[in-house]
PDB file of N, CA and C in Angstrom:
ATOM      1  N   MET A   1      17.790  -7.249 -19.220  1.00  0.00           N
ATOM      2  CA  MET A   1      17.540  -6.533 -17.903  1.00  0.00           C
ATOM      3  C   MET A   1      17.011  -7.213 -16.345  1.00  0.00           C
ATOM      4  N   GLY A   2      17.332  -5.942 -15.316  1.00  0.00           N
ATOM      5  CA  GLY A   2      17.253  -6.309 -13.935  1.00  0.00           C
ATOM      6  C   GLY A   2      16.077  -6.472 -13.658  1.00  0.00           C
ATOM      7  N   LEU A   3      15.970  -6.772 -12.462  1.00  0.00           N
ATOM      8  CA  LEU A   3      14.935  -6.532 -11.609  1.00  0.00           C
ATOM      9  C   LEU A   3      15.206  -5.730 -10.690  1.00  0.00           C
ATOM     10  N   ILE A   4      14.000  -4.712 -10.688  1.00  0.00           N
ATOM     11  CA  ILE A   4      13.819  -3.357  -9.522  1.00  0.00           C
ATOM     12  C   ILE A   4      13.115  -4.151  -8.351  1.00  0.00           C
ATOM     13  N   VAL A   5      14.540  -3.815  -7.557  1.00  0.00           N
ATOM     14  CA  VAL A   5      13.609  -4.304  -5.772  1.00  0.00           C
ATOM     15  C   VAL A   5      13.590  -2.772  -5.104  1.00  0.00           C
ATOM     16  N   LYS A   6      12.287  -3.052  -4.556  1.00  0.00           N
ATOM     17  CA  LYS A   6      12.139  -1.739  -3.812  1.00  0.00           C
ATOM     18  C   LYS A   6      12.232  -2.345  -2.319  1.00  0.00           C
ATOM     19  N   ASN A   7      12.110  -1.039  -1.239  1.00  0.00           N
ATOM     20  CA  ASN A   7      12.226  -1.017   0.204  1.00  0.00           C
ATOM     21  C   ASN A   7      13.303  -2.105   0.790  1.00  0.00           C
ATOM     22  N   THR A   8      14.484  -1.351  -0.501  1.00  0.00           N
ATOM     23  CA  THR A   8      15.127  -2.215   0.490  1.00  0.00           C
ATOM     24  C   THR A   8      16.495  -1.279   1.960  1.00  0.00           C
ATOM     25  N   THR A   9      17.543  -1.486   2.326  1.00  0.00           N
ATOM     26  CA  THR A   9      18.158  -0.707   2.452  1.00  0.00           C
ATOM     27  C   THR A   9      18.436   1.016   2.285  1.00  0.00           C
ATOM     28  N   PHE A  10      18.636   0.306   0.067  1.00  0.00           N
ATOM     29  CA  PHE A  10      19.190   1.350  -0.163  1.00  0.00           C
ATOM     30  C   PHE A  10      18.048   2.948  -0.958  1.00  0.00           C
ATOM     31  N   ASP A  11      16.548   2.234  -0.609  1.00  0.00           N
ATOM     32  CA  ASP A  11      15.743   3.329  -0.400  1.00  0.00           C
ATOM     33  C   ASP A  11      15.864   4.270   0.341  1.00  0.00           C
ATOM     34  N   ASP A  12      15.639   5.473  -0.055  1.00  0.00           N
ATOM     35  CA  ASP A  12      15.305   6.803   1.130  1.00  0.00           C
ATOM     36  C   ASP A  12      14.220   6.502   1.694  1.00  0.00           C
ATOM     37  N   VAL A  13      14.389   5.967   2.551  1.00  0.00           N
ATOM     38  CA  VAL A  13      13.227   5.582   4.028  1.00  0.00           C
ATOM     39  C   VAL A  13      12.352   7.392   4.176  1.00  0.00           C
ATOM     40  N   ASP A  14      11.507   7.269   4.282  1.00  0.00           N
ATOM     41  CA  ASP A  14      10.513   8.180   5.156  1.00  0.00           C
ATOM     42  C   ASP A  14       9.875   7.835   6.157  1.00  0.00           C
ATOM     43  N   ASP A  15      10.183   7.136   7.261  1.00  0.00           N
ATOM     44  CA  ASP A  15       9.866   6.337   8.262  1.00  0.00           C
ATOM     45  C   ASP A  15      10.454   5.806   8.924  1.00  0.00           C
ATOM     46  N   GLU A  16      11.360   6.582   9.140  1.00  0.00           N
ATOM     47  CA  GLU A  16      12.491   6.573   9.727  1.00  0.00           C
ATOM     48  C   GLU A  16      12.869   7.901  11.630  1.00  0.00           C
ATOM     49  N   ILE A  17      12.427   8.043  12.831  1.00  0.00           N
ATOM     50  CA  ILE A  17      12.511   8.939  13.869  1.00  0.00           C
ATOM     51  C   ILE A  17      14.293   9.139  13.910  1.00  0.00           C
ATOM     52  N   GLU A  18      14.982   9.726  13.616  1.00  0.00           N
ATOM     53  CA  GLU A  18      16.587  10.136  14.070  1.00  0.00           C
ATOM     54  C   GLU A  18      16.215  10.257  15.791  1.00  0.00           C
ATOM     55  N   THR A  19      17.601   9.289  16.362  1.00  0.00           N
ATOM     56  CA  THR A  19      18.028   9.831  17.799  1.00  0.00           C
ATOM     57  C   THR A  19      17.967  11.257  18.261  1.00  0.00           C
ATOM     58  N   GLY A  20      17.020  11.450  19.449  1.00  0.00           N
ATOM     59  CA  GLY A  20      17.119  13.128  20.423  1.00  0.00           C
ATOM     60  C   GLY A  20      16.224  13.816  19.520  1.00  0.00           C
ATOM     61  N   SER A  21      15.009  12.881  18.152  1.00  0.00           N
ATOM     62  CA  SER A  21      13.344  13.305  17.921  1.00  0.00           C
ATOM     63  C   SER A  21      12.495  13.838  19.455  1.00  0.00           C
ATOM     64  N   GLU A  22      11.966  14.940  19.326  1.00  0.00           N
ATOM     65  CA  GLU A  22      10.636  15.057  19.854  1.00  0.00           C
ATOM     66  C   GLU A  22       9.815  14.849  19.487  1.00  0.00           C
ATOM     67  N   VAL A  23       9.206  13.582  19.910  1.00  0.00           N
ATOM     68  CA  VAL A  23       7.558  13.036  19.518  1.00  0.00           C
ATOM     69  C   VAL A  23       6.807  12.813  20.506  1.00  0.00           C
ATOM     70  N   ILE A  24       5.494  12.726  19.689  1.00  0.00           N
ATOM     71  CA  ILE A  24       3.896  12.560  20.412  1.00  0.00           C
ATOM     72  C   ILE A  24       3.642  11.137  20.578  1.00  0.00           C
ATOM     73  N   ILE A  25       3.639  10.723  21.748  1.00  0.00           N
ATOM     74  CA  ILE A  25       2.850   9.562  21.018  1.00  0.00           C
ATOM     75  C   ILE A  25       1.148   9.531  21.081  1.00  0.00           C
ATOM     76  N   LYS A  26       0.955   8.841  19.844  1.00  0.00           N
ATOM     77  CA  LYS A  26      -0.912   9.336  19.735  1.00  0.00           C
ATOM     78  C   LYS A  26      -1.789   8.584  20.654  1.00  0.00           C
ATOM     79  N   GLU A  27      -1.450   7.526  21.257  1.00  0.00           N
ATOM     80  CA  GLU A  27      -2.753   7.437  22.251  1.00  0.00           C
ATOM     81  C   GLU A  27      -3.007   7.720  23.286  1.00  0.00           C
ATOM     82  N   THR A  28      -1.936   8.003  23.620  1.00  0.00           N
ATOM     83  CA  THR A  28      -1.804   8.967  25.230  1.00  0.00           C
ATOM     84  C   THR A  28      -1.428  10.437  25.389  1.00  0.00           C
ATOM     85  N   LYS A  29      -1.385  11.338  23.764  1.00  0.00           N
ATOM     86  CA  LYS A  29      -0.880  12.401  23.660  1.00  0.00           C
ATOM     87  C   LYS A  29       0.443  12.681  24.862  1.00  0.00           C
ATOM     88  N   GLU A  30       1.503  12.327  25.085  1.00  0.00           N
ATOM     89  CA  GLU A  30       2.790  12.122  25.497  1.00  0.00           C
ATOM     90  C   GLU A  30       3.692  12.660  25.111  1.00  0.00           C
ATOM     91  N   ASN A  31       4.301  13.765  25.857  1.00  0.00           N
ATOM     92  CA  ASN A  31       5.209  14.395  24.573  1.00  0.00           C
ATOM     93  C   ASN A  31       6.874  13.430  25.259  1.00  0.00           C
ATOM     94  N   GLY A  32       7.713  12.956  24.996  1.00  0.00           N
ATOM     95  CA  GLY A  32       8.560  12.567  24.337  1.00  0.00           C
ATOM     96  C   GLY A  32       9.621  12.491  23.653  1.00  0.00           C
ATOM     97  N   ILE A  33      11.044  11.995  24.105  1.00  0.00           N
ATOM     98  CA  ILE A  33      11.938  12.349  22.984  1.00  0.00           C
ATOM     99  C   ILE A  33      12.765  10.299  22.604  1.00  0.00           C
ATOM    100  N   VAL A  34      13.033  10.084  21.493  1.00  0.00           N
ATOM    101  CA  VAL A  34      13.780   8.975  20.344  1.00  0.00           C
ATOM    102  C   VAL A  34      14.847   8.737  21.458  1.00  0.00           C
ATOM    103  N   VAL A  35      15.567   7.738  22.508  1.00  0.00           N
ATOM    104  CA  VAL A  35      16.874   7.951  22.906  1.00  0.00           C
ATOM    105  C   VAL A  35      17.661   6.488  22.357  1.00  0.00           C
ATOM    106  N   MET A  36      16.090   5.355  21.524  1.00  0.00           N
ATOM    107  CA  MET A  36      17.414   4.324  20.995  1.00  0.00           C
ATOM    108  C   MET A  36      16.333   3.749  19.286  1.00  0.00           C
ATOM    109  N   ARG A  37      16.837   3.567  18.554  1.00  0.00           N
ATOM    110  CA  ARG A  37      15.925   2.631  17.811  1.00  0.00           C
ATOM    111  C   ARG A  37      16.630   1.429  17.511  1.00  0.00           C
ATOM    112  N   ILE A  38      15.503   0.187  17.668  1.00  0.00           N
ATOM    113  CA  ILE A  38      16.008  -1.458  17.745  1.00  0.00           C
ATOM    114  C   ILE A  38      15.399  -1.583  16.790  1.00  0.00           C
ATOM    115  N   GLY A  39      16.037  -1.941  15.565  1.00  0.00           N
ATOM    116  CA  GLY A  39      15.008  -2.096  14.144  1.00  0.00           C
ATOM    117  C   GLY A  39      14.065  -1.725  13.656  1.00  0.00           C
ATOM    118  N   ASN A  40      12.833  -2.143  13.985  1.00  0.00           N
ATOM    119  CA  ASN A  40      11.273  -0.731  14.130  1.00  0.00           C
ATOM    120  C   ASN A  40      10.445  -0.737  15.243  1.00  0.00           C
ATOM    121  N   ILE A  41      11.339  -0.899  16.197  1.00  0.00           N
ATOM    122  CA  ILE A  41      10.607  -0.225  17.680  1.00  0.00           C
ATOM    123  C   ILE A  41      11.668   0.620  18.038  1.00  0.00           C
ATOM    124  N   TYR A  42      10.940   1.848  18.412  1.00  0.00           N
ATOM    125  CA  TYR A  42      11.804   3.073  19.066  1.00  0.00           C
ATOM    126  C   TYR A  42      11.441   2.840  20.222  1.00  0.00           C
ATOM    127  N   GLN A  43      12.714   3.176  20.859  1.00  0.00           N
ATOM    128  CA  GLN A  43      12.562   4.012  22.561  1.00  0.00           C
ATOM    129  C   GLN A  43      12.829   5.093  22.860  1.00  0.00           C
ATOM    130  N   VAL A  44      11.334   5.246  23.751  1.00  0.00           N
ATOM    131  CA  VAL A  44      10.839   6.898  23.544  1.00  0.00           C
ATOM    132  C   VAL A  44      11.261   7.157  25.088  1.00  0.00           C
ATOM    133  N   LYS A  45      12.015   8.190  25.796  1.00  0.00           N
ATOM    134  CA  LYS A  45      11.510   8.719  27.162  1.00  0.00           C
ATOM    135  C   LYS A  45      10.859   9.730  27.225  1.00  0.00           C
ATOM    136  N   ILE A  46       9.847   9.349  28.202  1.00  0.00           N
ATOM    137  CA  ILE A  46       8.988   9.904  28.504  1.00  0.00           C
ATOM    138  C   ILE A  46       9.049  10.647  29.988  1.00  0.00           C
ATOM    139  N   ASN A  47       9.424  11.938  30.681  1.00  0.00           N
ATOM    140  CA  ASN A  47       9.741  11.704  31.770  1.00  0.00           C
ATOM    141  C   ASN A  47      10.789  10.764  32.106  1.00  0.00           C
ATOM    142  N   ASP A  48      10.877  10.221  33.601  1.00  0.00           N
ATOM    143  CA  ASP A  48      11.943   9.439  33.914  1.00  0.00           C
ATOM    144  C   ASP A  48      12.133   7.695  33.278  1.00  0.00           C
ATOM    145  N   GLU A  49      11.426   7.629  32.123  1.00  0.00           N
ATOM    146  CA  GLU A  49      10.934   6.413  32.034  1.00  0.00           C
ATOM    147  C   GLU A  49      10.901   6.451  30.907  1.00  0.00           C
ATOM    148  N   VAL A  50      11.378   4.890  30.049  1.00  0.00           N
ATOM    149  CA  VAL A  50      11.454   4.642  28.838  1.00  0.00           C
ATOM    150  C   VAL A  50      11.468   3.396  28.136  1.00  0.00           C
ATOM    151  N   LYS A  51      10.148   3.715  27.070  1.00  0.00           N
ATOM    152  CA  LYS A  51       8.931   2.651  26.588  1.00  0.00           C
ATOM    153  C   LYS A  51       9.505   2.372  24.936  1.00  0.00           C
ATOM    154  N   SER A  52       9.271   1.394  24.440  1.00  0.00           N
ATOM    155  CA  SER A  52       9.071   0.437  23.102  1.00  0.00           C
ATOM    156  C   SER A  52       7.781   1.375  22.398  1.00  0.00           C
ATOM    157  N   TYR A  53       7.757   1.160  21.382  1.00  0.00           N
ATOM    158  CA  TYR A  53       6.722   1.546  20.438  1.00  0.00           C
ATOM    159  C   TYR A  53       7.083   2.059  18.895  1.00  0.00           C
ATOM    160  N   THR A  54       6.096   1.681  18.210  1.00  0.00           N
ATOM    161  CA  THR A  54       6.595   1.096  16.837  1.00  0.00           C
ATOM    162  C   THR A  54       6.327   2.670  15.651  1.00  0.00           C
ATOM    163  N   TYR A  55       7.039   2.950  15.084  1.00  0.00           N
ATOM    164  CA  TYR A  55       6.861   3.949  13.980  1.00  0.00           C
ATOM    165  C   TYR A  55       4.989   4.779  14.036  1.00  0.00           C
ATOM    166  N   ASP A  56       3.786   4.213  13.339  1.00  0.00           N
ATOM    167  CA  ASP A  56       2.644   3.955  13.574  1.00  0.00           C
ATOM    168  C   ASP A  56       2.568   4.167  14.403  1.00  0.00           C
ATOM    169  N   GLU A  57       2.578   3.811  15.994  1.00  0.00           N
ATOM    170  CA  GLU A  57       2.373   4.729  17.176  1.00  0.00           C
ATOM    171  C   GLU A  57       2.955   6.145  17.927  1.00  0.00           C
ATOM    172  N   ILE A  58       3.650   6.574  16.680  1.00  0.00           N
ATOM    173  CA  ILE A  58       4.566   7.892  17.235  1.00  0.00           C
ATOM    174  C   ILE A  58       4.256   9.056  16.225  1.00  0.00           C
ATOM    175  N   LEU A  59       4.061  10.224  16.679  1.00  0.00           N
ATOM    176  CA  LEU A  59       4.109  11.574  15.621  1.00  0.00           C
ATOM    177  C   LEU A  59       5.231  11.901  15.546  1.00  0.00           C
ATOM    178  N   LYS A  60       5.986  12.624  14.771  1.00  0.00           N
ATOM    179  CA  LYS A  60       7.162  13.348  14.218  1.00  0.00           C
ATOM    180  C   LYS A  60       6.348  14.669  14.770  1.00  0.00           C
ATOM    181  N   LYS A  61       7.201  15.755  15.773  1.00  0.00           N
ATOM    182  CA  LYS A  61       7.230  17.313  16.117  1.00  0.00           C
ATOM    183  C   LYS A  61       7.447  17.265  15.460  1.00  0.00           C
TER     184      LYS A  61
END
């Protein structure tokens, strides 16, 4: 009998936002576009500025 391992890279992950997706920042209600993902940090372009946010700080549009 084998072990079942959850939350690996082989699982379907629902908490990912694709590059190019429009998002809303929860705290400031600003609209932005995801330009890059590095690990669990998302680079979001808002106006002409790029800021870093975690998944929990972002709402998918």
